[in-house]
Amino acid sequence: MRKYIYFTVFISGMTTLAAELSASRLIGNVFGTSNLVWAAIIGLMLLYLTLGYFLGGIQADKSPHAESMYKVLAWGAFTLGIVPYIANPVLRAAAIAFDGIQVSVMMGAFVAVLVLFSIPITLLGMISPYAIRLTMDDTEKAGKVSGNIYAVSTLGSFLGTYLPVLVLIPTVGTTNTFLIFSLFLLFVALAGLAKSAGMRAMLPYLLMVAGIAVLVLINGGGGIKKTAGQIYETESAYNYIEVLQRGTETHLRLNDGQGVHSVYDPDNLDYDGPWSQFLVGPFFNVPPHSTKDVKRIAIVGLAAGTFAQQATAVFGEIPIDGFEIDPKIIEVGQEYFGMNGLSNLNAYAEDGRWGLAHSTHQYEIIAVDAYRPPYIPWHMTTREFFQIAYDRLSSTGVLTINVGRLPNDRRLINGLATTIAEVFPSIHIMDIPYTLNSIIYATKEPTNEDFLAENLSLLTESGGTHPLLLDAIQTAWTYRQSNHETTTVFTDDKAPIEWITNDMILRFMLGGNVESLQ
């Protein structure tokens, strides 16, 4: 029986960590995966485990029997299995509330779902102290026994860290991941009950299996979200991915859905978003500068290829290297956003910084579209990253970055511009109208905004320039901003991006602002 108890501890530890990571995805599909969300999940899970350790020690001394431990484990497994089926209706309501920025409904749903995990995680936390009590036959070996139990539990946790994220969630989805771990743990508990108390004691607990099966049958095929216009949804190792049809446009949304990451309309390229503003960058250079001077482009944060489509239309079929860390998004772009029709696009499923650092090419435009508060990869905001970008630009190359802001809060823009100015000689900023986005342009050669106006005039007079480019340059000129405020320089050693973005989001939400972040 001792060996089976050790096996039980291993599976319990594995399931506990798997539940925590799966909970982050279950909640992240609606509320996002910012470090604020992660902090809430991890903090409460630790509180639930703390309570479980405390209660487990008391209960183990009160009823030091394997049968009692396996009953606790069975209830833990059962309640874990039903969590997503109870949570899904709440989360769908929250997703609708998110679209309307109904803060009270959103926060209520967030708290309710986290509370649902209190019972299973607390019960699973009781297993380790129970196992120590059951395997302790010599107090002089207390240290060794407790060390073995926690080592086995942690080893199981190690496995539980990787299985959900890398294997199960991308393959079978979040709800089925919960189901697999729950049923496996439940069968371990049932076998333990049969071993310790006999088949008669175990048989009533088979009703738990039947209960979960009923829930599966009732709720099967319900999908994750029920957004109006949804034509596709899936989960990858990185994101919840949703494709929506809005009239003639196809939209890509990720995770919480607050922001459209790509748009596609085969008959129209002007989407009034940030993408076309990336086209402007080269025309801050000394006039005359033409579209033929743009030979190659890199996109960090390719998503489903909106800017790649626009750049191809404006500059011709020049090589475009697109870096997108999530390979599933690339597949979605090929299936729903016309990326298969871009023979000049090289889509790389890899981190953008790594991709740029290892590229052998020089670019006239490096477009960074990987920021959206609070999801800003800090390693793409530092002086070292901008030095990599500088080194990959041609002599007339321009770095262009899409940055989020609040109506009266430009800290993120100021911090990034301050950092970029450590590497690049000239910086220009424009605010995209009717959005909470700005574009930062950093030129490799010294430039001034008058060059942009002169290039616009020359392009207009020459004829044949794509209207999307002319409109984008005119917009950049009209909504150009004064110089940035010099603040903090971000480095690989210190980049307080999370501090800034978390404060921005909290101010945004608590201020009752109903504008949506693009």
Protein backbone atom coordinates (compact mmCIF):
# COMPACT_ATOMS: atom_id res chain seq x y z
CA MET A 1 0.00 0.00 0.00
CA ARG A 2 2.93 2.33 0.72
CA LYS A 3 4.03 2.30 -2.93
CA TYR A 4 0.51 3.11 -4.07
CA ILE A 5 0.35 6.03 -1.65
CA TYR A 6 3.55 7.40 -3.20
CA PHE A 7 1.98 6.96 -6.65
CA THR A 8 -1.11 8.78 -5.40
CA VAL A 9 1.00 11.68 -4.16
CA PHE A 10 2.73 11.87 -7.56
CA ILE A 11 -0.58 12.00 -9.45
CA SER A 12 -2.07 14.47 -6.96
CA GLY A 13 0.92 16.80 -7.36
CA MET A 14 0.72 16.51 -11.14
CA THR A 15 -3.00 17.30 -11.15
CA THR A 16 -2.63 20.27 -8.80
CA LEU A 17 -0.16 22.07 -11.09
CA ALA A 18 -2.11 21.01 -14.18
CA ALA A 19 -5.24 22.50 -12.61
CA GLU A 20 -3.47 25.79 -11.91
CA LEU A 21 -2.16 26.11 -15.48
CA SER A 22 -5.47 25.00 -16.97
CA ALA A 23 -7.26 27.52 -14.75
CA SER A 24 -5.10 30.26 -16.22
CA ARG A 25 -6.24 29.26 -19.70
CA LEU A 26 -9.89 28.84 -18.70
CA ILE A 27 -9.88 32.34 -17.23
CA GLY A 28 -7.43 33.79 -19.75
CA ASN A 29 -9.72 33.01 -22.68
CA VAL A 30 -11.97 35.77 -21.36
CA PHE A 31 -9.92 37.91 -18.99
CA GLY A 32 -6.58 37.68 -20.75
CA THR A 33 -3.23 36.44 -19.51
CA SER A 34 -1.70 39.58 -18.07
CA ASN A 35 0.45 39.29 -14.97
CA LEU A 36 -2.44 40.82 -13.00
CA VAL A 37 -4.57 37.80 -13.90
CA TRP A 38 -1.68 35.43 -13.22
CA ALA A 39 -1.08 37.04 -9.82
CA ALA A 40 -4.72 36.55 -8.85
CA ILE A 41 -4.71 32.90 -9.96
CA ILE A 42 -1.40 31.96 -8.34
CA GLY A 43 -2.13 33.89 -5.15
CA LEU A 44 -5.51 32.29 -4.56
CA MET A 45 -4.28 28.83 -5.51
CA LEU A 46 -1.54 29.15 -2.89
CA LEU A 47 -4.12 30.23 -0.32
CA TYR A 48 -6.29 27.22 -1.17
CA LEU A 49 -3.27 24.90 -0.87
CA THR A 50 -2.33 26.49 2.44
CA LEU A 51 -5.80 25.79 3.76
CA GLY A 52 -5.56 22.24 2.40
CA TYR A 53 -2.24 21.57 4.13
CA PHE A 54 -3.68 22.86 7.39
CA LEU A 55 -6.91 20.85 7.19
CA GLY A 56 -5.11 17.78 5.87
CA GLY A 57 -2.84 17.66 8.90
CA ILE A 58 -5.80 17.92 11.28
CA GLN A 59 -7.88 15.35 9.43
CA ALA A 60 -4.97 12.91 9.09
CA ASP A 61 -4.46 12.87 12.85
CA LYS A 62 -8.18 12.57 13.43
CA SER A 63 -8.70 9.69 10.95
CA PRO A 64 -5.30 8.18 10.02
CA HIS A 65 -6.69 5.71 7.48
CA ALA A 66 -5.96 5.32 3.79
CA GLU A 67 -9.69 5.00 3.16
CA SER A 68 -10.24 8.50 4.52
CA MET A 69 -7.48 9.96 2.36
CA TYR A 70 -8.87 8.37 -0.80
CA LYS A 71 -12.33 9.69 -0.05
CA VAL A 72 -10.88 13.18 0.17
CA LEU A 73 -9.01 12.58 -3.09
CA ALA A 74 -12.15 11.33 -4.83
CA TRP A 75 -14.06 14.47 -3.88
CA GLY A 76 -11.15 16.61 -4.98
CA ALA A 77 -11.03 14.88 -8.37
CA PHE A 78 -14.80 15.09 -8.84
CA THR A 79 -15.11 18.78 -7.94
CA LEU A 80 -12.16 19.60 -10.20
CA GLY A 81 -13.86 17.84 -13.10
CA ILE A 82 -17.08 19.81 -12.78
CA VAL A 83 -15.43 23.24 -12.41
CA PRO A 84 -15.23 24.07 -16.15
CA TYR A 85 -18.84 23.00 -16.75
CA ILE A 86 -20.04 25.32 -14.00
CA ALA A 87 -17.63 28.07 -15.01
CA ASN A 88 -18.36 28.09 -18.76
CA PRO A 89 -21.78 29.83 -18.57
CA VAL A 90 -20.29 32.43 -16.22
CA LEU A 91 -17.33 32.98 -18.52
CA ARG A 92 -19.54 33.33 -21.59
CA ALA A 93 -21.54 36.00 -19.79
CA ALA A 94 -18.27 37.68 -18.88
CA ALA A 95 -17.12 37.58 -22.51
CA ILE A 96 -20.28 39.44 -23.52
CA ALA A 97 -19.68 41.91 -20.70
CA PHE A 98 -16.11 42.38 -21.89
CA ASP A 99 -17.34 43.43 -25.32
CA GLY A 100 -19.45 46.09 -23.64
CA ILE A 101 -16.87 46.95 -20.94
CA GLN A 102 -19.35 46.16 -18.16
CA VAL A 103 -16.82 46.25 -15.32
CA SER A 104 -19.07 45.02 -12.49
CA VAL A 105 -20.14 41.92 -14.44
CA MET A 106 -16.57 41.22 -15.50
CA MET A 107 -15.15 41.44 -11.99
CA GLY A 108 -18.00 39.43 -10.51
CA ALA A 109 -17.43 36.63 -13.01
CA PHE A 110 -13.68 36.70 -12.42
CA VAL A 111 -14.08 36.30 -8.66
CA ALA A 112 -16.81 33.67 -9.04
CA VAL A 113 -14.68 31.46 -11.27
CA LEU A 114 -11.65 31.71 -9.01
CA VAL A 115 -13.78 30.80 -6.00
CA LEU A 116 -14.93 27.65 -7.82
CA PHE A 117 -11.39 26.33 -7.53
CA SER A 118 -11.33 26.69 -3.76
CA ILE A 119 -12.89 23.29 -3.06
CA PRO A 120 -10.86 21.01 -5.38
CA ILE A 121 -7.51 22.72 -4.74
CA THR A 122 -8.06 22.72 -0.97
CA LEU A 123 -8.93 19.02 -1.07
CA LEU A 124 -5.88 18.22 -3.19
CA GLY A 125 -3.74 20.19 -0.75
CA MET A 126 -4.84 17.79 2.01
CA ILE A 127 -3.23 14.79 0.33
CA SER A 128 0.46 15.38 1.10
CA PRO A 129 0.07 15.78 4.90
CA TYR A 130 -2.30 12.82 4.86
CA ALA A 131 0.26 10.72 2.98
CA ILE A 132 3.01 11.68 5.44
CA ARG A 133 0.82 10.58 8.34
CA LEU A 134 -0.03 7.25 6.69
CA THR A 135 3.55 6.38 5.74
CA MET A 136 5.09 7.48 9.05
CA ASP A 137 5.89 4.27 10.95
CA ASP A 138 8.97 5.56 12.76
CA THR A 139 9.21 9.10 14.14
CA GLU A 140 12.99 8.97 13.83
CA LYS A 141 12.50 8.86 10.07
CA ALA A 142 10.02 11.77 9.98
CA GLY A 143 12.38 13.98 7.98
CA LYS A 144 13.08 11.30 5.39
CA VAL A 145 9.42 10.35 4.98
CA SER A 146 8.19 13.94 4.64
CA GLY A 147 11.06 14.73 2.28
CA ASN A 148 10.17 11.75 0.08
CA ILE A 149 6.51 12.73 -0.02
CA TYR A 150 7.21 16.31 -1.02
CA ALA A 151 9.84 15.20 -3.54
CA VAL A 152 7.40 12.81 -5.21
CA SER A 153 4.65 15.46 -5.17
CA THR A 154 6.95 18.05 -6.70
CA LEU A 155 8.09 15.59 -9.35
CA GLY A 156 4.45 15.10 -10.27
CA SER A 157 4.01 18.88 -10.34
CA PHE A 158 6.90 19.08 -12.79
CA LEU A 159 5.03 16.81 -15.19
CA GLY A 160 1.79 18.69 -14.55
CA THR A 161 3.49 21.92 -15.62
CA TYR A 162 4.13 20.73 -19.17
CA LEU A 163 1.35 18.32 -20.07
CA PRO A 164 -1.54 20.82 -20.15
CA VAL A 165 0.23 23.65 -21.96
CA LEU A 166 2.36 21.75 -24.46
CA VAL A 167 0.19 18.71 -25.16
CA LEU A 168 -3.39 18.61 -23.94
CA ILE A 169 -4.81 22.15 -24.26
CA PRO A 170 -3.63 22.63 -27.88
CA THR A 171 -4.84 19.10 -28.72
CA VAL A 172 -8.15 18.64 -26.87
CA GLY A 173 -8.93 22.07 -25.35
CA THR A 174 -9.13 23.41 -21.82
CA THR A 175 -12.38 21.74 -20.72
CA ASN A 176 -11.26 18.31 -21.89
CA THR A 177 -7.89 18.84 -20.21
CA PHE A 178 -9.69 19.31 -16.90
CA LEU A 179 -11.76 16.24 -17.71
CA ILE A 180 -8.72 14.05 -18.42
CA PHE A 181 -6.87 14.99 -15.23
CA SER A 182 -10.02 14.79 -13.14
CA LEU A 183 -11.02 11.33 -14.34
CA PHE A 184 -7.49 9.97 -14.08
CA LEU A 185 -7.19 11.23 -10.51
CA LEU A 186 -10.65 9.93 -9.71
CA PHE A 187 -9.73 6.44 -10.92
CA VAL A 188 -6.57 6.58 -8.78
CA ALA A 189 -8.79 7.46 -5.80
CA LEU A 190 -11.26 4.69 -6.57
CA ALA A 191 -8.49 2.12 -6.87
CA GLY A 192 -7.05 3.36 -3.59
CA LEU A 193 -10.45 3.01 -1.93
CA ALA A 194 -10.78 -0.53 -3.25
CA LYS A 195 -7.31 -1.42 -1.98
CA SER A 196 -7.78 0.12 1.46
CA ALA A 197 -11.47 -0.53 2.20
CA GLY A 198 -12.72 -3.03 -0.35
CA MET A 199 -14.95 -2.88 -3.39
CA ARG A 200 -18.12 -2.24 -1.40
CA ALA A 201 -16.70 1.01 0.00
CA MET A 202 -15.59 2.08 -3.46
CA LEU A 203 -18.77 1.38 -5.43
CA PRO A 204 -20.82 4.43 -4.28
CA TYR A 205 -18.07 6.71 -5.53
CA LEU A 206 -18.57 5.41 -9.06
CA LEU A 207 -21.53 7.76 -9.11
CA MET A 208 -18.97 10.57 -9.41
CA VAL A 209 -17.84 9.14 -12.74
CA ALA A 210 -21.46 8.95 -13.85
CA GLY A 211 -22.05 12.54 -12.73
CA ILE A 212 -19.13 13.85 -14.76
CA ALA A 213 -20.28 11.80 -17.76
CA VAL A 214 -23.72 13.39 -17.56
CA LEU A 215 -22.18 16.86 -17.50
CA VAL A 216 -20.07 16.01 -20.55
CA LEU A 217 -23.14 14.82 -22.46
CA ILE A 218 -25.20 17.86 -21.50
CA ASN A 219 -22.50 20.42 -22.23
CA GLY A 220 -20.63 18.73 -25.07
CA GLY A 221 -19.93 20.79 -28.18
CA GLY A 222 -20.84 24.12 -26.58
CA GLY A 223 -17.71 25.92 -27.72
CA ILE A 224 -15.65 28.36 -25.68
CA LYS A 225 -17.32 31.64 -26.61
CA LYS A 226 -20.51 32.48 -28.46
CA THR A 227 -19.52 35.81 -29.97
CA ALA A 228 -21.78 37.18 -32.68
CA GLY A 229 -20.22 36.58 -36.08
CA GLN A 230 -17.84 33.90 -34.89
CA ILE A 231 -16.72 31.58 -37.69
CA TYR A 232 -13.81 29.86 -35.95
CA GLU A 233 -12.25 29.44 -32.53
CA THR A 234 -9.43 27.33 -31.15
CA GLU A 235 -6.81 27.16 -28.45
CA SER A 236 -3.08 26.99 -29.06
CA ALA A 237 -0.17 26.63 -26.68
CA TYR A 238 -0.06 30.45 -26.58
CA ASN A 239 -3.54 31.87 -27.14
CA TYR A 240 -7.26 31.53 -27.40
CA ILE A 241 -7.88 32.42 -31.06
CA GLU A 242 -11.17 33.69 -32.46
CA VAL A 243 -12.09 34.61 -36.03
CA LEU A 244 -15.14 36.84 -36.55
CA GLN A 245 -16.98 37.97 -39.66
CA ARG A 246 -17.98 41.64 -39.49
CA GLY A 247 -19.75 42.47 -42.73
CA THR A 248 -17.18 42.06 -45.50
CA GLU A 249 -14.29 42.08 -43.03
CA THR A 250 -12.73 39.13 -41.23
CA HIS A 251 -11.32 39.97 -37.78
CA LEU A 252 -8.78 38.15 -35.62
CA ARG A 253 -9.16 38.42 -31.85
CA LEU A 254 -7.06 36.77 -29.17
CA ASN A 255 -7.68 35.82 -25.53
CA ASP A 256 -9.85 38.50 -23.88
CA GLY A 257 -10.83 39.90 -27.28
CA GLN A 258 -10.03 43.51 -26.38
CA GLY A 259 -8.36 44.45 -29.61
CA VAL A 260 -8.47 43.37 -33.24
CA HIS A 261 -5.10 41.89 -34.18
CA SER A 262 -5.74 41.48 -37.90
CA VAL A 263 -8.36 42.46 -40.46
CA TYR A 264 -8.91 41.09 -43.95
CA ASP A 265 -11.20 42.18 -46.76
CA PRO A 266 -10.21 40.94 -50.23
CA ASP A 267 -11.78 44.03 -51.82
CA ASN A 268 -10.51 46.70 -49.43
CA LEU A 269 -7.18 47.43 -47.71
CA ASP A 270 -8.04 50.51 -45.67
CA TYR A 271 -9.14 49.48 -42.18
CA ASP A 272 -8.66 52.75 -40.23
CA GLY A 273 -6.29 50.98 -37.85
CA PRO A 274 -2.58 51.11 -37.05
CA TRP A 275 -1.38 48.80 -39.82
CA SER A 276 -1.28 51.25 -42.71
CA GLN A 277 0.67 53.74 -40.60
CA PHE A 278 3.67 51.40 -40.70
CA LEU A 279 3.90 52.24 -44.42
CA VAL A 280 4.84 55.83 -43.61
CA GLY A 281 8.23 55.15 -41.98
CA PRO A 282 10.58 55.37 -45.01
CA PHE A 283 9.16 58.72 -46.08
CA PHE A 284 10.66 60.53 -43.12
CA ASN A 285 13.95 60.14 -45.01
CA VAL A 286 15.59 62.86 -47.08
CA PRO A 287 13.50 63.57 -50.22
CA PRO A 288 13.00 62.37 -52.81
CA HIS A 289 12.12 58.95 -51.43
CA SER A 290 9.95 56.58 -53.47
CA THR A 291 8.24 53.26 -52.96
CA LYS A 292 10.97 51.63 -55.08
CA ASP A 293 13.49 52.43 -52.35
CA VAL A 294 11.81 49.87 -50.08
CA LYS A 295 13.42 46.51 -50.86
CA ARG A 296 12.59 44.30 -47.87
CA ILE A 297 10.39 44.46 -44.78
CA ALA A 298 10.36 42.68 -41.43
CA ILE A 299 7.24 42.39 -39.28
CA VAL A 300 7.56 41.51 -35.60
CA GLY A 301 4.08 40.40 -34.57
CA LEU A 302 2.84 39.23 -37.95
CA ALA A 303 -0.51 37.96 -36.61
CA ALA A 304 -2.70 37.09 -39.63
CA GLY A 305 -0.85 39.33 -42.06
CA THR A 306 -2.82 42.58 -42.38
CA PHE A 307 0.24 44.81 -42.77
CA ALA A 308 1.86 42.26 -45.09
CA GLN A 309 -1.16 42.56 -47.39
CA GLN A 310 -1.02 46.36 -47.35
CA ALA A 311 2.75 46.53 -47.84
CA THR A 312 2.57 44.19 -50.83
CA ALA A 313 -0.09 46.36 -52.44
CA VAL A 314 1.95 49.54 -51.90
CA PHE A 315 5.55 48.39 -52.49
CA GLY A 316 4.98 45.43 -54.79
CA GLU A 317 5.94 41.83 -54.16
CA ILE A 318 9.10 42.58 -52.22
CA PRO A 319 10.30 40.00 -49.66
CA ILE A 320 8.56 40.30 -46.30
CA ASP A 321 9.80 38.36 -43.27
CA GLY A 322 7.03 37.98 -40.70
CA PHE A 323 7.78 36.76 -37.19
CA GLU A 324 4.84 35.34 -35.22
CA ILE A 325 5.51 33.28 -32.12
CA ASP A 326 2.24 31.32 -32.33
CA PRO A 327 2.25 28.89 -35.29
CA LYS A 328 -1.50 28.40 -34.96
CA ILE A 329 -2.08 32.08 -35.73
CA ILE A 330 -0.06 31.65 -38.92
CA GLU A 331 -2.31 28.72 -39.87
CA VAL A 332 -5.39 30.83 -39.18
CA GLY A 333 -3.94 33.63 -41.30
CA GLN A 334 -3.44 31.24 -44.18
CA GLU A 335 -6.93 29.78 -43.84
CA TYR A 336 -9.02 32.91 -43.21
CA PHE A 337 -6.93 36.01 -43.99
CA GLY A 338 -5.52 35.37 -47.45
CA MET A 339 -1.92 34.83 -46.38
CA ASN A 340 -1.59 31.91 -48.78
CA GLY A 341 -1.94 34.41 -51.59
CA LEU A 342 1.21 36.29 -50.51
CA SER A 343 4.02 34.44 -52.25
CA ASN A 344 6.47 37.11 -51.06
CA LEU A 345 5.68 36.55 -47.38
CA ASN A 346 8.03 34.37 -45.33
CA ALA A 347 6.14 33.53 -42.12
CA TYR A 348 8.38 32.34 -39.28
CA ALA A 349 6.88 30.79 -36.14
CA GLU A 350 9.43 32.17 -33.70
CA ASP A 351 10.06 34.95 -31.22
CA GLY A 352 10.53 38.27 -33.01
CA ARG A 353 13.66 39.34 -31.15
CA TRP A 354 15.34 36.01 -31.79
CA GLY A 355 14.24 36.11 -35.42
CA LEU A 356 15.64 39.59 -36.01
CA ALA A 357 18.88 38.80 -34.21
CA HIS A 358 19.46 35.77 -36.44
CA SER A 359 18.28 37.29 -39.70
CA THR A 360 20.88 37.73 -42.43
CA HIS A 361 18.91 40.48 -44.21
CA GLN A 362 18.77 44.26 -44.13
CA TYR A 363 15.37 45.93 -44.03
CA GLU A 364 13.94 49.29 -45.02
CA ILE A 365 11.05 48.83 -42.57
CA ILE A 366 10.98 46.88 -39.34
CA ALA A 367 7.37 47.02 -38.10
CA VAL A 368 6.84 46.01 -34.48
CA ASP A 369 3.19 45.15 -33.85
CA ALA A 370 3.72 43.00 -30.76
CA TYR A 371 2.60 45.52 -28.12
CA ARG A 372 -0.85 45.86 -26.65
CA PRO A 373 -1.18 46.79 -22.97
CA PRO A 374 -0.92 44.80 -20.82
CA TYR A 375 0.58 42.24 -23.24
CA ILE A 376 3.93 43.84 -23.98
CA PRO A 377 6.93 41.51 -24.26
CA TRP A 378 9.43 43.41 -22.14
CA HIS A 379 12.40 41.94 -24.02
CA MET A 380 11.22 43.86 -27.09
CA THR A 381 11.24 47.21 -25.29
CA THR A 382 14.88 47.46 -24.27
CA ARG A 383 17.91 49.31 -25.54
CA GLU A 384 19.46 45.98 -26.48
CA PHE A 385 16.45 45.02 -28.63
CA PHE A 386 16.46 48.37 -30.40
CA GLN A 387 20.17 47.94 -31.09
CA ILE A 388 19.35 44.62 -32.80
CA ALA A 389 16.71 46.40 -34.90
CA TYR A 390 19.16 49.20 -35.75
CA ASP A 391 21.74 46.69 -36.93
CA ARG A 392 19.19 44.95 -39.18
CA LEU A 393 18.09 48.15 -40.93
CA SER A 394 19.55 49.43 -44.17
CA SER A 395 21.14 52.90 -44.23
CA THR A 396 17.71 54.46 -44.88
CA GLY A 397 15.81 51.96 -42.75
CA VAL A 398 13.10 52.92 -40.26
CA LEU A 399 11.85 51.18 -37.14
CA THR A 400 8.07 51.59 -36.69
CA ILE A 401 6.24 50.59 -33.51
CA ASN A 402 2.56 50.44 -32.62
CA VAL A 403 2.13 51.54 -28.99
CA GLY A 404 -0.94 51.73 -26.76
CA ARG A 405 -1.74 54.69 -24.52
CA LEU A 406 -4.50 56.28 -22.48
CA PRO A 407 -6.09 59.66 -23.26
CA ASN A 408 -4.03 61.43 -20.60
CA ASP A 409 -1.25 58.94 -20.02
CA ARG A 410 1.72 58.80 -22.38
CA ARG A 411 4.18 57.12 -20.00
CA LEU A 412 4.61 54.06 -22.18
CA ILE A 413 5.24 56.15 -25.30
CA ASN A 414 7.67 58.38 -23.43
CA GLY A 415 9.58 55.43 -21.97
CA LEU A 416 9.90 53.67 -25.30
CA ALA A 417 10.87 56.84 -27.15
CA THR A 418 13.46 57.65 -24.49
CA THR A 419 14.95 54.18 -24.87
CA ILE A 420 14.90 54.21 -28.66
CA ALA A 421 16.64 57.61 -28.64
CA GLU A 422 19.62 55.90 -27.02
CA VAL A 423 20.15 54.07 -30.33
CA PHE A 424 18.44 56.03 -33.13
CA PRO A 425 19.24 59.65 -34.07
CA SER A 426 15.69 60.79 -34.88
CA ILE A 427 12.27 59.90 -33.52
CA HIS A 428 8.81 60.94 -34.73
CA ILE A 429 5.45 60.15 -33.10
CA MET A 430 1.88 60.29 -34.39
CA ASP A 431 -1.42 59.45 -32.68
CA ILE A 432 -3.80 57.32 -34.70
CA PRO A 433 -7.16 59.14 -34.70
CA TYR A 434 -10.16 57.64 -32.88
CA THR A 435 -8.00 54.97 -31.19
CA LEU A 436 -5.76 54.61 -28.16
CA ASN A 437 -2.74 53.86 -30.33
CA SER A 438 0.30 55.81 -31.41
CA ILE A 439 3.07 55.02 -33.87
CA ILE A 440 6.71 55.68 -33.07
CA TYR A 441 9.02 56.10 -36.06
CA ALA A 442 12.78 55.85 -35.49
CA THR A 443 15.02 56.60 -38.47
CA LYS A 444 18.56 55.34 -38.90
CA GLU A 445 19.62 58.62 -40.48
CA PRO A 446 18.93 62.06 -38.94
CA THR A 447 15.56 63.26 -40.24
CA ASN A 448 12.90 65.86 -39.57
CA GLU A 449 9.16 65.97 -40.12
CA ASP A 450 9.47 68.46 -42.99
CA PHE A 451 10.97 65.62 -45.05
CA LEU A 452 7.65 63.77 -44.65
CA ALA A 453 5.67 66.71 -45.97
CA GLU A 454 7.99 67.12 -48.95
CA ASN A 455 7.88 63.40 -49.80
CA LEU A 456 4.08 63.48 -49.61
CA SER A 457 4.02 66.36 -52.07
CA LEU A 458 6.40 64.58 -54.46
CA LEU A 459 4.48 61.29 -54.29
CA THR A 460 1.20 63.09 -54.96
CA GLU A 461 2.60 64.99 -57.91
CA SER A 462 4.29 61.95 -59.49
CA GLY A 463 1.04 60.00 -59.78
CA GLY A 464 0.71 56.25 -59.56
CA THR A 465 1.24 56.12 -55.79
CA HIS A 466 -1.18 53.80 -54.00
CA PRO A 467 -3.90 55.89 -52.27
CA LEU A 468 -3.47 53.86 -49.08
CA LEU A 469 0.07 55.22 -48.73
CA LEU A 470 -0.91 58.78 -49.51
CA ASP A 471 -3.73 58.66 -46.98
CA ALA A 472 -1.42 57.13 -44.33
CA ILE A 473 1.23 59.83 -44.83
CA GLN A 474 -1.40 62.58 -44.68
CA THR A 475 -2.78 61.07 -41.46
CA ALA A 476 0.71 60.86 -39.94
CA TRP A 477 1.35 64.50 -40.83
CA THR A 478 -2.00 65.69 -39.49
CA TYR A 479 -1.76 63.83 -36.20
CA ARG A 480 1.97 64.21 -35.57
CA GLN A 481 2.93 64.96 -31.98
CA SER A 482 5.49 67.17 -30.33
CA ASN A 483 8.66 65.69 -28.91
CA HIS A 484 8.35 63.06 -26.22
CA GLU A 485 9.17 63.59 -22.57
CA THR A 486 12.50 62.05 -21.57
CA THR A 487 11.98 59.44 -18.87
CA THR A 488 13.35 55.96 -18.13
CA VAL A 489 15.70 54.00 -20.36
CA PHE A 490 14.60 50.34 -20.50
CA THR A 491 17.36 47.74 -20.53
CA ASP A 492 17.57 43.97 -20.45
CA ASP A 493 18.55 44.33 -16.80
CA LYS A 494 15.69 46.65 -15.86
CA ALA A 495 12.54 47.23 -17.89
CA PRO A 496 9.57 48.11 -15.63
CA ILE A 497 7.03 47.56 -18.40
CA GLU A 498 4.61 45.59 -16.23
CA TRP A 499 4.58 48.35 -13.61
CA ILE A 500 3.59 50.92 -16.21
CA THR A 501 1.06 48.81 -18.13
CA ASN A 502 -0.63 47.42 -15.02
CA ASP A 503 -1.13 50.91 -13.66
CA MET A 504 -2.44 52.07 -17.04
CA ILE A 505 -4.98 49.25 -17.21
CA LEU A 506 -6.14 49.72 -13.61
CA ARG A 507 -6.63 53.44 -14.17
CA PHE A 508 -8.46 52.67 -17.41
CA MET A 509 -10.84 50.18 -15.75
CA LEU A 510 -11.40 52.00 -12.47
CA GLY A 511 -11.88 55.31 -14.24
CA GLY A 512 -15.02 53.98 -15.94
CA ASN A 513 -13.54 54.52 -19.37
CA VAL A 514 -15.51 52.74 -22.07
CA GLU A 515 -13.14 53.32 -24.95
CA SER A 516 -11.77 50.09 -26.31
CA LEU A 517 -8.04 49.52 -26.72
CA GLN A 518 -7.36 48.81 -30.39
